[in-house]
Amino acid sequence: PLACTLFPYTTLFRSQENQEQQSAATEANLALMRLNQLRALYNQGRYREARALLEEWGEAGAASTEKALEGIRSAMTEEELEIYDPLEAYRQLVDWLE
């Protein structure tokens, strides 16, 4: 009887947990997409367009991008970070474009 009573709550908790994981994955994908857009524009010498994109995203977009990249970075090994650090790459691009 107790297990039967807890079943709906357990299912609800798992559903909420899955939604949070999915949301974090969506934020991570968006952050990587933004990093790749900036990098592509920068590498093509299209600095004005890259700056316009940063302006369009605004401070909230920059903050959420950095937060998501921090999460990605924290999941990476030291060896992987020596090869490529996405957060540092993003910060460098933003710095170069300012």
Protein backbone atom coordinates (compact mmCIF):
# COMPACT_ATOMS: atom_id res chain seq x y z
CA PRO A 1 0.00 0.00 0.00
CA LEU A 2 2.77 2.49 0.83
CA ALA A 3 4.58 1.80 -2.44
CA CYS A 4 1.34 2.28 -4.34
CA THR A 5 0.80 5.62 -2.63
CA LEU A 6 4.30 6.84 -3.49
CA PHE A 7 4.22 5.73 -7.12
CA PRO A 8 2.64 8.91 -8.56
CA TYR A 9 5.06 11.12 -6.63
CA THR A 10 8.07 9.06 -7.69
CA THR A 11 6.96 9.24 -11.31
CA LEU A 12 6.39 12.99 -11.02
CA PHE A 13 9.85 13.47 -9.46
CA ARG A 14 11.52 11.45 -12.24
CA SER A 15 9.62 13.42 -14.86
CA GLN A 16 10.76 16.70 -13.33
CA GLU A 17 14.34 15.42 -13.14
CA ASN A 18 14.21 14.42 -16.83
CA GLN A 19 12.87 17.85 -17.76
CA GLU A 20 15.71 19.54 -15.88
CA GLN A 21 18.28 17.34 -17.64
CA GLN A 22 16.67 18.04 -21.00
CA SER A 23 16.66 21.77 -20.27
CA ALA A 24 20.36 21.69 -19.35
CA ALA A 25 21.14 19.80 -22.56
CA THR A 26 19.17 22.35 -24.59
CA GLU A 27 21.08 25.21 -22.96
CA ALA A 28 24.39 23.45 -23.65
CA ASN A 29 23.48 22.95 -27.30
CA LEU A 30 22.47 26.60 -27.64
CA ALA A 31 25.74 27.74 -26.06
CA LEU A 32 27.81 25.56 -28.40
CA MET A 33 25.80 26.81 -31.37
CA ARG A 34 26.48 30.41 -30.34
CA LEU A 35 30.18 29.71 -29.90
CA ASN A 36 30.35 28.10 -33.34
CA GLN A 37 28.45 30.98 -34.96
CA LEU A 38 30.83 33.52 -33.46
CA ARG A 39 33.88 31.49 -34.38
CA ALA A 40 32.71 31.05 -37.98
CA LEU A 41 32.01 34.76 -38.42
CA TYR A 42 35.29 35.72 -36.78
CA ASN A 43 37.31 33.27 -38.88
CA GLN A 44 35.72 34.67 -42.03
CA GLY A 45 36.64 38.21 -41.00
CA ARG A 46 32.98 39.16 -40.61
CA TYR A 47 33.56 41.06 -37.37
CA ARG A 48 30.69 43.51 -37.77
CA GLU A 49 28.22 40.63 -38.10
CA ALA A 50 29.73 38.86 -35.09
CA ARG A 51 29.42 42.03 -32.99
CA ALA A 52 25.81 42.46 -34.13
CA LEU A 53 25.08 38.90 -33.09
CA LEU A 54 26.54 39.50 -29.63
CA GLU A 55 24.45 42.63 -29.33
CA GLU A 56 21.34 40.74 -30.41
CA TRP A 57 21.92 38.09 -27.74
CA GLY A 58 22.36 40.78 -25.10
CA GLU A 59 23.68 40.42 -21.58
CA ALA A 60 21.20 37.69 -20.69
CA GLY A 61 22.27 35.63 -23.69
CA ALA A 62 25.93 36.11 -22.87
CA ALA A 63 25.36 35.11 -19.25
CA SER A 64 23.38 31.98 -20.14
CA THR A 65 25.98 31.04 -22.75
CA GLU A 66 28.81 31.36 -20.23
CA LYS A 67 26.86 29.41 -17.61
CA ALA A 68 26.17 26.56 -20.05
CA LEU A 69 29.80 26.53 -21.23
CA GLU A 70 30.93 26.39 -17.60
CA GLY A 71 28.78 23.28 -17.18
CA ILE A 72 30.28 21.71 -20.29
CA ARG A 73 33.78 22.65 -19.12
CA SER A 74 33.24 21.10 -15.68
CA ALA A 75 32.35 17.78 -17.32
CA MET A 76 35.57 17.74 -19.36
CA THR A 77 38.82 16.10 -18.28
CA GLU A 78 42.05 18.07 -17.88
CA GLU A 79 43.37 16.36 -20.99
CA GLU A 80 40.34 17.46 -23.01
CA LEU A 81 40.64 21.00 -21.68
CA GLU A 82 44.27 21.15 -22.77
CA ILE A 83 43.08 20.42 -26.30
CA TYR A 84 40.08 22.75 -26.29
CA ASP A 85 38.35 24.80 -23.61
CA PRO A 86 35.00 26.01 -24.95
CA LEU A 87 34.49 28.60 -22.21
CA GLU A 88 37.91 30.13 -22.75
CA ALA A 89 37.36 30.11 -26.52
CA TYR A 90 34.06 31.96 -26.10
CA ARG A 91 35.58 34.53 -23.73
CA GLN A 92 38.50 35.15 -26.10
CA LEU A 93 36.20 35.67 -29.06
CA VAL A 94 34.03 38.11 -27.12
CA ASP A 95 37.14 39.93 -25.92
CA TRP A 96 38.59 40.17 -29.44
CA LEU A 97 35.31 41.50 -30.80
CA GLU A 98 34.97 44.28 -28.23
